Amino acid sequence: MNTFHKLPLLLFTTLAITFSSCESDDPVAENDGELITDVTLNFQELDASGSPVGTPFSAKASDPEGIETGGSPTIETVNLQKGKKYLMMIEVANSIAGEDITEEILEESDEHQFYFLGTAFTGNILAIAYDDPSGELIGLQTELTVSSSPGTNNTLMQIVLRHDLDKSYPGATNPNFSTYEQAGGETDLDITFPVVINN
């Protein structure tokens, strides 16, 4: 008699266990990439001895929702002069959280690296070399040389920031490493600036 009255309770308990076991135990994938809303390229012209000359200038890309997650970033044109050399310094920020991502990239320098692609480099219009003060290959600071005969006034500079890559992978030390995916990691930033070469 007691057993008969306990059957509904046993049935309910069994069903509850069955349904709970159907829930997914798969962990939710975490995105370790940084949310980047602003990228500023700061330029300082260098003379033949490598000393700064002229007035610094900049070009900025921004999207209030995030450059990688938003739909339409505002991108300013980079204006350079043929035959000139520039120190280019990149600043990266998350204006939503008020974070200076540049500092985080420096703190995790062994996990981050910028690559510079696009027609500006494949067309031999621009040449670039890492020049980070720490000596680590990051790309927050580079030397950019404009061809004295670029052959065109308009070109494109694609900037890719990779995170958690294998920096010892063959070719990964090349700032124009077009097959950067082979070194592993993930892309935190992929933005293309229009470039105008002036006489």
Protein backbone atom coordinates (compact mmCIF):
# COMPACT_ATOMS: atom_id res chain seq x y z
CA MET A 1 0.00 0.00 0.00
CA ASN A 2 2.76 2.42 0.93
CA THR A 3 4.70 1.43 -2.17
CA PHE A 4 1.72 2.27 -4.42
CA HIS A 5 1.46 5.80 -3.01
CA LYS A 6 5.20 6.37 -3.48
CA LEU A 7 5.11 5.55 -7.23
CA PRO A 8 4.12 9.08 -8.41
CA LEU A 9 6.97 10.55 -6.35
CA LEU A 10 9.45 8.05 -7.80
CA LEU A 11 8.17 8.73 -11.33
CA PHE A 12 8.53 12.51 -10.88
CA THR A 13 12.07 12.13 -9.52
CA THR A 14 13.08 9.88 -12.43
CA LEU A 15 11.70 12.34 -15.01
CA ALA A 16 13.46 15.27 -13.35
CA ILE A 17 16.80 13.44 -13.47
CA THR A 18 16.22 12.45 -17.11
CA PHE A 19 15.46 16.02 -18.21
CA SER A 20 18.37 17.51 -16.31
CA SER A 21 20.74 14.99 -17.90
CA CYS A 22 19.64 16.21 -21.34
CA GLU A 23 20.97 19.68 -20.68
CA SER A 24 24.17 20.49 -22.54
CA ASP A 25 27.35 20.14 -20.52
CA ASP A 26 29.37 21.82 -23.28
CA PRO A 27 31.24 24.84 -21.96
CA VAL A 28 30.39 28.19 -23.50
CA ALA A 29 33.26 29.30 -25.73
CA GLU A 30 34.95 32.41 -24.42
CA ASN A 31 36.17 35.13 -26.71
CA ASP A 32 39.51 36.34 -25.38
CA GLY A 33 39.80 38.96 -28.11
CA GLU A 34 39.74 42.59 -27.15
CA LEU A 35 36.82 44.85 -28.04
CA ILE A 36 38.41 47.65 -30.04
CA THR A 37 36.46 50.79 -30.90
CA ASP A 38 39.29 53.15 -31.88
CA VAL A 39 42.57 52.76 -33.76
CA THR A 40 44.81 55.78 -34.23
CA LEU A 41 47.88 55.80 -36.47
CA ASN A 42 50.31 58.50 -35.36
CA PHE A 43 53.01 59.58 -37.82
CA GLN A 44 56.25 61.46 -37.29
CA GLU A 45 58.47 62.21 -40.29
CA LEU A 46 62.12 61.20 -39.89
CA ASP A 47 65.11 62.75 -41.64
CA ALA A 48 68.03 60.80 -43.14
CA SER A 49 69.65 60.44 -39.71
CA GLY A 50 66.42 59.15 -38.14
CA SER A 51 65.66 62.34 -36.23
CA PRO A 52 62.09 63.66 -36.09
CA VAL A 53 61.24 66.58 -38.37
CA GLY A 54 58.05 68.42 -39.19
CA THR A 55 54.70 68.27 -37.42
CA PRO A 56 53.23 64.94 -36.25
CA PHE A 57 49.88 63.94 -37.73
CA SER A 58 47.44 61.07 -37.38
CA ALA A 59 44.64 59.08 -39.01
CA LYS A 60 41.90 57.36 -37.04
CA ALA A 61 39.41 54.52 -37.48
CA SER A 62 36.50 54.22 -35.06
CA ASP A 63 33.21 52.43 -34.52
CA PRO A 64 31.22 53.01 -31.28
CA GLU A 65 30.06 49.37 -31.34
CA GLY A 66 33.51 47.94 -31.99
CA ILE A 67 35.48 47.84 -35.23
CA GLU A 68 35.20 44.04 -35.53
CA THR A 69 31.62 43.80 -34.25
CA GLY A 70 30.05 47.01 -35.56
CA GLY A 71 28.89 47.52 -39.10
CA SER A 72 30.46 50.68 -40.42
CA PRO A 73 33.64 52.10 -38.94
CA THR A 74 34.65 55.65 -39.82
CA ILE A 75 38.13 55.52 -41.37
CA GLU A 76 40.28 58.54 -42.10
CA THR A 77 42.70 58.68 -45.02
CA VAL A 78 46.44 58.43 -44.40
CA ASN A 79 48.31 61.16 -46.30
CA LEU A 80 52.01 60.49 -46.89
CA GLN A 81 54.69 62.03 -49.11
CA LYS A 82 56.71 60.04 -51.59
CA GLY A 83 60.33 59.37 -50.71
CA LYS A 84 59.76 60.11 -47.02
CA LYS A 85 60.34 57.95 -43.95
CA TYR A 86 57.96 57.97 -40.97
CA LEU A 87 57.78 56.60 -37.47
CA MET A 88 54.28 55.11 -37.17
CA MET A 89 52.86 54.47 -33.70
CA ILE A 90 49.55 52.69 -33.18
CA GLU A 91 47.14 53.49 -30.36
CA VAL A 92 44.26 51.10 -29.67
CA ALA A 93 41.33 51.80 -27.34
CA ASN A 94 37.97 50.53 -26.14
CA SER A 95 35.93 53.71 -25.60
CA ILE A 96 32.93 51.71 -24.33
CA ALA A 97 34.85 50.51 -21.26
CA GLY A 98 37.32 53.39 -21.20
CA GLU A 99 40.24 51.00 -21.69
CA ASP A 100 43.62 51.69 -23.23
CA ILE A 101 44.15 48.47 -25.18
CA THR A 102 47.62 49.66 -26.20
CA GLU A 103 48.82 49.09 -22.63
CA GLU A 104 47.28 45.60 -22.57
CA ILE A 105 49.04 44.72 -25.83
CA LEU A 106 52.35 45.87 -24.34
CA GLU A 107 51.76 43.88 -21.16
CA GLU A 108 51.00 40.77 -23.23
CA SER A 109 53.62 41.48 -25.89
CA ASP A 110 54.49 37.80 -26.23
CA GLU A 111 50.90 37.10 -27.33
CA HIS A 112 50.26 39.97 -29.76
CA GLN A 113 51.62 41.02 -33.12
CA PHE A 114 50.54 43.40 -35.88
CA TYR A 115 50.83 42.53 -39.57
CA PHE A 116 50.71 45.05 -42.39
CA LEU A 117 49.19 43.97 -45.69
CA GLY A 118 47.29 45.38 -48.65
CA THR A 119 48.24 46.93 -51.97
CA ALA A 120 50.46 49.49 -50.24
CA PHE A 121 52.93 46.70 -49.51
CA THR A 122 52.31 44.21 -52.33
CA GLY A 123 52.76 47.06 -54.81
CA ASN A 124 56.06 48.13 -53.22
CA ILE A 125 54.63 51.56 -52.45
CA LEU A 126 55.41 51.28 -48.74
CA ALA A 127 58.06 49.32 -46.86
CA ILE A 128 57.73 48.68 -43.14
CA ALA A 129 59.94 47.38 -40.33
CA TYR A 130 59.20 46.67 -36.68
CA ASP A 131 60.73 49.29 -34.39
CA ASP A 132 59.25 48.56 -30.96
CA PRO A 133 61.40 50.11 -28.20
CA SER A 134 61.36 46.86 -26.22
CA GLY A 135 62.91 44.99 -29.13
CA GLU A 136 59.98 42.55 -29.14
CA LEU A 137 58.18 42.19 -32.47
CA ILE A 138 54.78 43.73 -31.78
CA GLY A 139 54.22 46.45 -34.37
CA LEU A 140 52.92 49.17 -32.07
CA GLN A 141 55.87 51.19 -33.39
CA THR A 142 57.26 50.78 -36.90
CA GLU A 143 59.35 52.60 -39.47
CA LEU A 144 57.45 53.24 -42.67
CA THR A 145 59.27 54.19 -45.87
CA VAL A 146 57.44 55.58 -48.89
CA SER A 147 58.81 54.77 -52.34
CA SER A 148 60.31 57.71 -54.22
CA SER A 149 58.44 56.51 -57.32
CA PRO A 150 55.27 54.85 -56.00
CA GLY A 151 53.54 54.81 -59.38
CA THR A 152 50.15 55.58 -57.85
CA ASN A 153 48.63 58.19 -55.57
CA ASN A 154 46.07 55.87 -53.98
CA THR A 155 46.55 52.55 -52.21
CA LEU A 156 45.37 50.53 -49.21
CA MET A 157 47.06 49.62 -45.93
CA GLN A 158 45.50 46.67 -44.09
CA ILE A 159 46.42 46.31 -40.41
CA VAL A 160 45.82 42.98 -38.67
CA LEU A 161 46.37 42.36 -34.95
CA ARG A 162 46.83 38.72 -34.03
CA HIS A 163 46.45 37.36 -30.50
CA ASP A 164 47.94 34.18 -28.99
CA LEU A 165 49.95 33.29 -32.08
CA ASP A 166 53.17 31.26 -32.27
CA LYS A 167 55.76 33.99 -32.80
CA SER A 168 58.44 31.40 -33.55
CA TYR A 169 56.51 30.09 -36.56
CA PRO A 170 58.57 30.42 -39.79
CA GLY A 171 57.75 33.75 -41.44
CA ALA A 172 55.98 35.22 -38.39
CA THR A 173 58.76 37.79 -37.91
CA ASN A 174 57.90 39.37 -41.28
CA PRO A 175 55.58 42.39 -40.80
CA ASN A 176 54.07 41.60 -44.24
CA PHE A 177 53.40 37.92 -43.39
CA SER A 178 50.32 37.38 -45.57
CA THR A 179 49.63 33.82 -44.33
CA TYR A 180 49.63 34.87 -40.67
CA GLU A 181 46.81 32.39 -39.90
CA GLN A 182 49.36 29.58 -40.18
CA ALA A 183 51.03 30.83 -37.00
CA GLY A 184 47.79 30.17 -35.09
CA GLY A 185 45.96 32.51 -32.77
CA GLU A 186 42.98 34.75 -33.42
CA THR A 187 42.40 38.12 -35.03
CA ASP A 188 41.62 40.96 -32.62
CA LEU A 189 41.61 43.62 -35.34
CA ASP A 190 41.45 43.78 -39.13
CA ILE A 191 41.10 47.30 -40.51
CA THR A 192 42.07 48.84 -43.84
CA PHE A 193 43.09 52.48 -44.19
CA PRO A 194 43.04 54.28 -47.55
CA VAL A 195 46.44 55.85 -48.28
CA VAL A 196 47.17 58.80 -50.54
CA ILE A 197 50.76 59.40 -51.64
CA ASN A 198 51.47 63.06 -52.27
CA ASN A 199 54.32 64.57 -54.29
